[in-house]
Amino acid sequence: MDKKIRVLVAKVGLDGHDRGAKVVAAALRDAGMEVIYTGLRKTPELIIGAALQEDVDAIGVSILSGAHMTIFPKLLSLMKQSDLNDVLLFGGGIIPEKDIQELKRQGVGELFTPGASTTLIVEYVKQWVAKNR
């Protein structure tokens, strides 16, 4: 039997809007993945600690606060320090295209903007994990 894909879904910083994160978490769960939702207002350190504890395959972060150019690099740095080199960091939120390209260059996976298809997100995570884990 195949191991279930484990995904940590997180809301980071002061952003209090979690509808999108909950919709994505439900879609991943409906697709047969194990989903750990951290809840609102978590620090990057707490998110990476939870990812280590839960032995996840992927970390999905929702950011609507505009802090994406600070938060994602911090998460990447903590992941490297924690030897989470084979874990996908992906996300979504209101992120300008030029910032998406820069974050992807730094090592963040796909970044989904409002209105993205949950089917597309599910398939992306499945394909990434099948290829990299």
Protein backbone atom coordinates (compact mmCIF):
# COMPACT_ATOMS: atom_id res chain seq x y z
CA MET A 1 0.00 0.00 0.00
CA ASP A 2 1.31 3.44 -0.91
CA LYS A 3 2.13 5.89 1.84
CA LYS A 4 -0.37 8.75 2.00
CA ILE A 5 0.97 12.14 1.00
CA ARG A 6 1.23 14.34 4.11
CA VAL A 7 0.77 18.10 3.65
CA LEU A 8 1.05 20.83 6.26
CA VAL A 9 -1.19 23.81 5.42
CA ALA A 10 -0.29 27.01 7.25
CA LYS A 11 -1.28 30.63 7.67
CA VAL A 12 1.72 32.70 8.63
CA GLY A 13 2.07 36.09 10.28
CA LEU A 14 -0.73 38.47 11.13
CA ASP A 15 -2.98 37.56 8.21
CA GLY A 16 -6.34 36.45 9.60
CA HIS A 17 -8.05 35.35 6.40
CA ASP A 18 -8.06 31.57 6.17
CA ARG A 19 -10.92 30.68 3.81
CA GLY A 20 -8.55 29.90 0.92
CA ALA A 21 -6.26 27.80 3.11
CA LYS A 22 -9.24 25.81 4.39
CA VAL A 23 -10.57 25.26 0.84
CA VAL A 24 -7.16 23.99 -0.30
CA ALA A 25 -6.80 21.81 2.82
CA ALA A 26 -10.23 20.26 2.14
CA ALA A 27 -9.37 19.63 -1.53
CA LEU A 28 -6.10 17.92 -0.60
CA ARG A 29 -7.89 15.83 2.04
CA ASP A 30 -10.66 14.92 -0.45
CA ALA A 31 -7.92 13.75 -2.83
CA GLY A 32 -6.74 11.25 -0.21
CA MET A 33 -3.90 13.19 1.37
CA GLU A 34 -3.31 13.60 5.08
CA VAL A 35 -3.57 17.29 5.90
CA ILE A 36 -2.33 19.03 9.02
CA TYR A 37 -3.72 22.56 9.33
CA THR A 38 -1.78 24.77 11.75
CA GLY A 39 -4.41 27.47 12.13
CA LEU A 40 -3.92 31.22 12.02
CA ARG A 41 -0.99 33.49 12.85
CA LYS A 42 1.87 31.01 13.02
CA THR A 43 5.56 31.91 12.88
CA PRO A 44 7.91 30.41 10.30
CA GLU A 45 9.70 28.62 13.15
CA LEU A 46 6.48 27.02 14.37
CA ILE A 47 5.57 25.93 10.84
CA ILE A 48 8.93 24.27 10.21
CA GLY A 49 8.84 22.66 13.66
CA ALA A 50 5.41 21.21 12.89
CA ALA A 51 6.61 20.01 9.47
CA LEU A 52 9.49 18.16 11.13
CA GLN A 53 7.28 16.67 13.82
CA GLU A 54 4.62 15.56 11.33
CA ASP A 55 7.13 14.22 8.74
CA VAL A 56 5.36 15.97 5.87
CA ASP A 57 6.00 15.71 2.15
CA ALA A 58 4.86 19.26 1.45
CA ILE A 59 4.21 22.58 3.16
CA GLY A 60 1.52 24.84 1.71
CA VAL A 61 1.50 28.43 2.94
CA SER A 62 -1.24 30.98 2.37
CA ILE A 63 -0.19 34.62 2.55
CA LEU A 64 -2.49 37.54 1.85
CA SER A 65 -0.70 40.12 4.01
CA GLY A 66 1.91 41.21 1.48
CA ALA A 67 4.79 39.74 3.53
CA HIS A 68 5.54 36.97 1.01
CA MET A 69 9.00 38.31 0.10
CA THR A 70 10.00 38.03 3.77
CA ILE A 71 8.10 34.91 4.83
CA PHE A 72 8.96 32.50 2.01
CA PRO A 73 12.75 33.17 2.12
CA LYS A 74 12.63 32.73 5.92
CA LEU A 75 10.80 29.41 5.53
CA LEU A 76 13.32 28.26 2.90
CA SER A 77 16.21 29.17 5.20
CA LEU A 78 14.67 27.29 8.15
CA MET A 79 13.96 24.29 5.91
CA LYS A 80 17.62 24.18 4.82
CA GLN A 81 18.78 24.46 8.44
CA SER A 82 16.42 21.61 9.40
CA ASP A 83 17.51 19.41 6.47
CA LEU A 84 14.06 19.47 4.88
CA ASN A 85 15.61 19.52 1.42
CA ASP A 86 13.18 16.95 0.01
CA VAL A 87 10.01 18.71 1.19
CA LEU A 88 7.98 20.87 -1.20
CA LEU A 89 7.29 24.46 -0.13
CA PHE A 90 4.41 25.86 -2.17
CA GLY A 91 1.85 28.52 -1.52
CA GLY A 92 -0.78 30.91 -2.55
CA GLY A 93 -2.23 34.31 -2.00
CA ILE A 94 -2.10 37.76 -3.45
CA ILE A 95 1.41 37.74 -4.90
CA PRO A 96 2.49 39.85 -7.89
CA GLU A 97 3.87 37.92 -10.88
CA LYS A 98 7.37 39.45 -10.56
CA ASP A 99 7.52 38.31 -6.93
CA ILE A 100 6.29 34.83 -7.91
CA GLN A 101 9.13 34.50 -10.39
CA GLU A 102 11.72 35.66 -7.82
CA LEU A 103 10.41 33.31 -5.10
CA LYS A 104 10.46 30.38 -7.53
CA ARG A 105 14.04 31.29 -8.46
CA GLN A 106 14.91 31.09 -4.75
CA GLY A 107 13.44 27.60 -4.47
CA VAL A 108 9.76 27.98 -3.64
CA GLY A 109 7.49 25.66 -5.63
CA GLU A 110 4.34 26.74 -7.40
CA LEU A 111 2.52 29.82 -6.09
CA PHE A 112 -1.20 29.93 -6.75
CA THR A 113 -3.14 33.18 -6.94
CA PRO A 114 -6.82 33.72 -6.06
CA GLY A 115 -9.14 31.74 -8.32
CA ALA A 116 -6.66 28.92 -8.93
CA SER A 117 -8.28 25.55 -9.47
CA THR A 118 -8.08 23.21 -6.48
CA THR A 119 -7.76 20.35 -8.98
CA LEU A 120 -4.62 22.00 -10.35
CA ILE A 121 -3.19 22.38 -6.82
CA VAL A 122 -3.94 18.74 -5.95
CA GLU A 123 -2.34 17.48 -9.18
CA TYR A 124 0.72 19.67 -8.67
CA VAL A 125 1.33 18.31 -5.16
CA LYS A 126 0.75 14.70 -6.27
CA GLN A 127 3.12 15.03 -9.23
CA TRP A 128 5.83 16.80 -7.21
CA VAL A 129 5.76 14.19 -4.45
CA ALA A 130 5.75 11.29 -6.96
CA LYS A 131 8.80 12.77 -8.70
CA ASN A 132 10.79 14.00 -5.67
CA ARG A 133 9.97 11.80 -2.66
